[in-house]
Amino acid sequence: MSKPQETAVYTHGHHESVLRSHTWRTAANSAGYLLGSLKPHMRILDIGCGPGTITADLAELVPDGQVTGVDRAPDILEQARATAAARGLANVDFAVADVHALDYPDDTFCVVHAHQVLQHVGDPVQALREMRRVAKPGGLIAVRDSDYAAMTWHPPVPGLDDWLALYRRVARANGGEPDAGRRLKSWALAAGLTGITATSGTWTYSTPEERRWWGGLWADRTVASAYAERATEGGHATTAELREISTAWREWAEQEDGWFAVLHGEILCRK
């Protein structure tokens, strides 16, 4: 019997405007709900590790343990390895993997962590079953995902409404679920997970520097990334419409009273 495999397409790709966001992520700003449960000896699996900034932070927090970062994209793992090497970390390794069919034995890891992953996969319930399978008895499954429909901002720049509607269409056409944050507990229950603690967290962008950074990366992502290609090739938007949305992002970033909040759902489950 063949193992289930990924059926969704990663909406964002790894354009520079995407990595600008991914490399900003730290364990503190992206996995705070998990950190209080970590012990120095733990073995951790970090799924969808991308450029490895969260992975490296986790490795520093378990100096007597080991962290394995996995991702479906081999190229991004080279950047992750460079991130770990630059920080002199000897207790971290990286490998290519599909969360639907992890190539690890049962009961291997103390913590199985995934940040911004389940929104992009074809079968999040199967992914959670695999995460539970490779966790040790008494181990933790930790998942955090944003929820696009719950994102909110001020002032109400019309083009950002167009951005949100378009992004959700493209993500779903690629086989993902952009409003994953609110569904994590439901998916966990469907996967048979128990001992579920469900919480939420936010990223907020309001200072001039934060607005320029967040608005700028989305302005670039909208016209120059794999997401832009999938939006046009899939017939979801024209190039001219993408340019208008990109301009709207830059207009929002210049507003003195600009404010943007990203809501995340979080689940911490004990096996």
Protein backbone atom coordinates (compact mmCIF):
# COMPACT_ATOMS: atom_id res chain seq x y z
CA MET A 1 0.00 0.00 0.00
CA SER A 2 1.51 3.32 -1.09
CA LYS A 3 1.90 6.17 1.34
CA PRO A 4 -0.32 9.25 0.91
CA GLN A 5 1.50 12.13 -0.74
CA GLU A 6 1.11 15.89 -0.93
CA THR A 7 -1.54 17.03 -3.40
CA ALA A 8 -1.53 20.79 -2.76
CA VAL A 9 0.75 23.41 -4.35
CA TYR A 10 2.63 25.80 -2.04
CA THR A 11 0.96 29.10 -2.88
CA HIS A 12 3.76 31.51 -1.97
CA GLY A 13 6.86 29.87 -3.42
CA HIS A 14 10.27 31.11 -2.24
CA HIS A 15 10.63 34.48 -3.94
CA GLU A 16 12.76 37.02 -2.05
CA SER A 17 9.60 38.83 -0.91
CA VAL A 18 8.41 35.60 0.72
CA LEU A 19 11.74 34.85 2.39
CA ARG A 20 11.78 38.42 3.68
CA SER A 21 8.82 37.38 5.82
CA HIS A 22 10.00 33.86 6.64
CA THR A 23 13.45 34.93 7.86
CA TRP A 24 11.81 37.47 10.22
CA ARG A 25 10.17 34.63 12.12
CA THR A 26 11.61 33.54 15.45
CA ALA A 27 10.60 31.05 18.09
CA ALA A 28 9.60 34.02 20.26
CA ASN A 29 7.27 35.67 17.72
CA SER A 30 5.98 32.48 16.13
CA ALA A 31 6.03 29.67 18.73
CA GLY A 32 5.58 31.39 22.05
CA TYR A 33 2.73 29.04 23.00
CA LEU A 34 5.20 26.12 22.88
CA LEU A 35 8.31 27.51 24.50
CA GLY A 36 7.28 27.01 28.11
CA SER A 37 6.99 23.25 27.48
CA LEU A 38 10.51 22.77 26.12
CA LYS A 39 13.22 20.92 28.09
CA PRO A 40 16.96 21.00 27.33
CA HIS A 41 17.15 17.31 26.35
CA MET A 42 14.25 17.22 23.88
CA ARG A 43 14.35 15.89 20.33
CA ILE A 44 12.24 18.11 18.06
CA LEU A 45 10.93 17.74 14.50
CA ASP A 46 10.25 21.12 12.84
CA ILE A 47 8.02 20.55 9.81
CA GLY A 48 7.99 23.07 6.97
CA CYS A 49 11.12 24.70 8.37
CA GLY A 50 11.77 26.97 5.38
CA PRO A 51 14.93 29.06 5.84
CA GLY A 52 15.39 27.68 9.35
CA THR A 53 15.19 30.70 11.64
CA ILE A 54 12.63 29.11 13.99
CA THR A 55 14.47 25.78 13.74
CA ALA A 56 17.73 27.40 14.84
CA ASP A 57 16.01 29.10 17.77
CA LEU A 58 14.53 25.79 18.89
CA ALA A 59 17.96 24.16 18.68
CA GLU A 60 19.37 26.84 21.00
CA LEU A 61 16.54 26.16 23.46
CA VAL A 62 17.32 22.40 23.63
CA PRO A 63 21.14 22.43 23.94
CA ASP A 64 21.26 18.82 25.13
CA GLY A 65 18.75 17.64 22.53
CA GLN A 66 18.46 17.56 18.74
CA VAL A 67 16.29 19.42 16.23
CA THR A 68 15.49 18.12 12.75
CA GLY A 69 14.08 20.60 10.27
CA VAL A 70 12.23 19.23 7.24
CA ASP A 71 10.72 20.85 4.16
CA ARG A 72 9.40 19.72 0.79
CA ALA A 73 11.67 22.16 -1.08
CA PRO A 74 15.30 20.97 -1.23
CA ASP A 75 16.64 24.39 -2.27
CA ILE A 76 15.35 26.20 0.82
CA LEU A 77 17.08 23.66 3.04
CA GLU A 78 20.45 24.97 1.84
CA GLN A 79 19.54 28.34 3.32
CA ALA A 80 18.38 26.63 6.52
CA ARG A 81 21.71 24.82 6.83
CA ALA A 82 23.53 28.13 6.32
CA THR A 83 21.39 29.75 9.03
CA ALA A 84 22.30 27.01 11.51
CA ALA A 85 25.98 27.05 10.54
CA ALA A 86 26.21 30.83 10.95
CA ARG A 87 24.97 30.42 14.51
CA GLY A 88 27.41 27.63 15.26
CA LEU A 89 24.73 25.05 16.02
CA ALA A 90 25.80 21.42 16.14
CA ASN A 91 22.49 19.92 17.32
CA VAL A 92 20.40 20.56 14.20
CA ASP A 93 20.01 18.70 10.91
CA PHE A 94 17.77 19.05 7.87
CA ALA A 95 16.04 16.74 5.39
CA VAL A 96 13.44 16.72 2.62
CA ALA A 97 10.07 15.37 3.79
CA ASP A 98 6.34 15.30 3.08
CA VAL A 99 4.22 15.77 6.19
CA HIS A 100 1.62 13.33 4.84
CA ALA A 101 4.18 10.50 4.89
CA LEU A 102 7.06 11.22 7.26
CA ASP A 103 10.06 8.94 6.87
CA TYR A 104 10.58 8.46 10.62
CA PRO A 105 9.68 5.57 12.93
CA ASP A 106 6.79 5.72 15.35
CA ASP A 107 7.48 7.37 18.73
CA THR A 108 10.63 9.22 17.67
CA PHE A 109 10.29 12.88 18.73
CA CYS A 110 9.53 14.66 22.01
CA VAL A 111 7.98 17.57 20.08
CA VAL A 112 6.59 17.71 16.54
CA HIS A 113 6.14 21.34 15.47
CA ALA A 114 4.62 22.94 12.37
CA HIS A 115 4.30 26.68 11.81
CA GLN A 116 2.21 27.96 8.87
CA VAL A 117 2.12 24.51 7.29
CA LEU A 118 -1.36 23.00 7.50
CA GLN A 119 -2.93 25.85 5.54
CA HIS A 120 -0.85 24.76 2.55
CA VAL A 121 -1.30 20.96 2.57
CA GLY A 122 -3.79 18.78 0.76
CA ASP A 123 -4.90 16.72 3.79
CA PRO A 124 -4.30 18.46 7.12
CA VAL A 125 -5.99 15.67 9.08
CA GLN A 126 -3.62 13.07 7.62
CA ALA A 127 -0.72 15.43 8.32
CA LEU A 128 -1.74 15.61 11.98
CA ARG A 129 -2.04 11.82 12.16
CA GLU A 130 1.53 11.55 10.90
CA MET A 131 2.71 14.16 13.37
CA ARG A 132 1.09 12.19 16.17
CA ARG A 133 2.57 8.90 14.90
CA VAL A 134 6.17 10.12 15.06
CA ALA A 135 5.70 11.80 18.47
CA LYS A 136 6.77 9.83 21.53
CA PRO A 137 4.14 8.77 24.09
CA GLY A 138 3.69 11.82 26.30
CA GLY A 139 5.18 13.99 23.54
CA LEU A 140 3.74 17.20 22.10
CA ILE A 141 2.24 18.11 18.75
CA ALA A 142 2.41 21.90 18.29
CA VAL A 143 0.75 23.65 15.34
CA ARG A 144 0.21 27.32 14.51
CA ASP A 145 -1.51 28.69 11.39
CA SER A 146 -2.75 32.08 10.32
CA ASP A 147 -6.38 32.72 9.41
CA TYR A 148 -6.73 35.02 6.42
CA ALA A 149 -10.44 35.78 6.80
CA ALA A 150 -9.73 36.98 10.35
CA MET A 151 -6.98 39.41 9.29
CA THR A 152 -7.98 43.01 9.84
CA TRP A 153 -6.56 46.43 9.14
CA HIS A 154 -7.08 50.19 9.15
CA PRO A 155 -7.63 52.41 7.29
CA PRO A 156 -10.00 50.54 4.93
CA VAL A 157 -8.00 50.75 1.69
CA PRO A 158 -10.34 49.16 -0.94
CA GLY A 159 -7.54 47.36 -2.75
CA LEU A 160 -6.75 45.32 0.34
CA ASP A 161 -10.26 43.85 0.28
CA ASP A 162 -9.46 42.78 -3.29
CA TRP A 163 -6.15 41.32 -2.09
CA LEU A 164 -7.81 39.21 0.60
CA ALA A 165 -10.52 37.87 -1.70
CA LEU A 166 -7.94 37.06 -4.39
CA TYR A 167 -5.49 35.37 -2.03
CA ARG A 168 -8.18 33.12 -0.60
CA ARG A 169 -9.28 32.11 -4.13
CA VAL A 170 -5.74 31.31 -5.24
CA ALA A 171 -4.87 29.38 -2.08
CA ARG A 172 -7.98 27.22 -2.35
CA ALA A 173 -7.38 26.60 -6.05
CA ASN A 174 -3.93 25.32 -5.05
CA GLY A 175 -5.53 22.79 -2.68
CA GLY A 176 -4.93 24.66 0.58
CA GLU A 177 -7.15 26.26 3.24
CA PRO A 178 -6.23 29.91 3.91
CA ASP A 179 -8.54 30.14 6.94
CA ALA A 180 -6.72 27.31 8.69
CA GLY A 181 -6.27 28.95 12.07
CA ARG A 182 -9.89 28.50 13.13
CA ARG A 183 -9.91 24.89 11.94
CA LEU A 184 -6.88 23.52 13.82
CA LYS A 185 -8.83 22.17 16.77
CA SER A 186 -11.41 20.58 14.48
CA TRP A 187 -8.70 18.95 12.36
CA ALA A 188 -6.92 17.73 15.49
CA LEU A 189 -10.09 16.09 16.79
CA ALA A 190 -10.68 14.46 13.40
CA ALA A 191 -7.12 13.12 13.50
CA GLY A 192 -7.74 11.51 16.87
CA LEU A 193 -5.50 13.83 18.86
CA THR A 194 -6.24 14.28 22.54
CA GLY A 195 -5.17 16.60 25.33
CA ILE A 196 -5.74 19.57 23.02
CA THR A 197 -5.08 23.09 24.26
CA ALA A 198 -6.33 25.62 21.69
CA THR A 199 -5.13 29.22 21.85
CA SER A 200 -4.49 32.15 19.52
CA GLY A 201 -1.77 34.69 18.87
CA THR A 202 -1.23 37.71 16.66
CA TRP A 203 1.33 39.59 14.66
CA THR A 204 0.64 43.33 14.55
CA TYR A 205 2.22 45.88 12.21
CA SER A 206 1.72 49.55 13.07
CA THR A 207 4.95 51.54 13.35
CA PRO A 208 6.23 53.26 10.18
CA GLU A 209 8.99 50.64 9.89
CA GLU A 210 6.59 47.73 10.38
CA ARG A 211 4.12 49.15 7.85
CA ARG A 212 6.82 49.67 5.24
CA TRP A 213 8.14 46.15 5.79
CA TRP A 214 4.77 44.34 5.79
CA GLY A 215 3.18 46.46 3.05
CA GLY A 216 6.34 46.32 0.95
CA LEU A 217 6.75 42.56 1.04
CA TRP A 218 3.11 42.02 0.08
CA ALA A 219 3.35 44.67 -2.64
CA ASP A 220 6.31 42.80 -4.11
CA ARG A 221 4.82 39.35 -3.54
CA THR A 222 1.65 40.37 -5.38
CA VAL A 223 3.46 41.13 -8.63
CA ALA A 224 6.70 39.11 -8.57
CA SER A 225 6.30 35.78 -6.74
CA ALA A 226 4.97 32.31 -7.49
CA TYR A 227 1.69 33.53 -5.97
CA ALA A 228 1.48 36.19 -8.70
CA GLU A 229 2.13 33.58 -11.39
CA ARG A 230 -0.55 31.27 -9.99
CA ALA A 231 -3.03 34.14 -9.75
CA THR A 232 -2.64 35.04 -13.42
CA GLU A 233 -2.11 31.55 -14.86
CA GLY A 234 -5.14 30.28 -12.93
CA GLY A 235 -7.33 33.04 -14.34
CA HIS A 236 -7.93 34.57 -10.89
CA ALA A 237 -6.56 38.02 -11.75
CA THR A 238 -4.96 40.00 -14.55
CA THR A 239 -1.51 41.53 -14.35
CA ALA A 240 -3.13 44.96 -14.23
CA GLU A 241 -5.29 43.92 -11.27
CA LEU A 242 -2.24 42.63 -9.43
CA ARG A 243 -0.48 45.95 -10.01
CA GLU A 244 -3.48 47.77 -8.52
CA ILE A 245 -3.40 45.56 -5.44
CA SER A 246 0.35 46.08 -5.10
CA THR A 247 -0.17 49.84 -5.22
CA ALA A 248 -2.88 49.56 -2.56
CA TRP A 249 -0.42 47.83 -0.23
CA ARG A 250 2.08 50.68 -0.63
CA GLU A 251 -0.68 53.26 -0.09
CA TRP A 252 -1.72 51.55 3.14
CA ALA A 253 1.89 51.42 4.33
CA GLU A 254 2.14 55.22 4.02
CA GLN A 255 -0.89 55.89 6.23
CA GLU A 256 0.12 57.41 9.57
CA ASP A 257 -2.73 55.58 11.31
CA GLY A 258 -2.07 52.31 9.47
CA TRP A 259 -2.52 49.13 11.52
CA PHE A 260 -2.65 45.48 10.45
CA ALA A 261 -3.25 42.38 12.59
CA VAL A 262 -2.69 38.75 11.62
CA LEU A 263 -4.61 36.26 13.77
CA HIS A 264 -3.21 32.76 14.29
CA GLY A 265 -4.85 29.66 15.70
CA GLU A 266 -2.61 27.49 17.87
CA ILE A 267 -2.96 23.95 19.21
CA LEU A 268 -0.76 22.09 21.65
CA CYS A 269 -1.63 18.39 21.96
CA ARG A 270 -0.22 15.73 24.28
CA LYS A 271 0.15 12.23 22.82
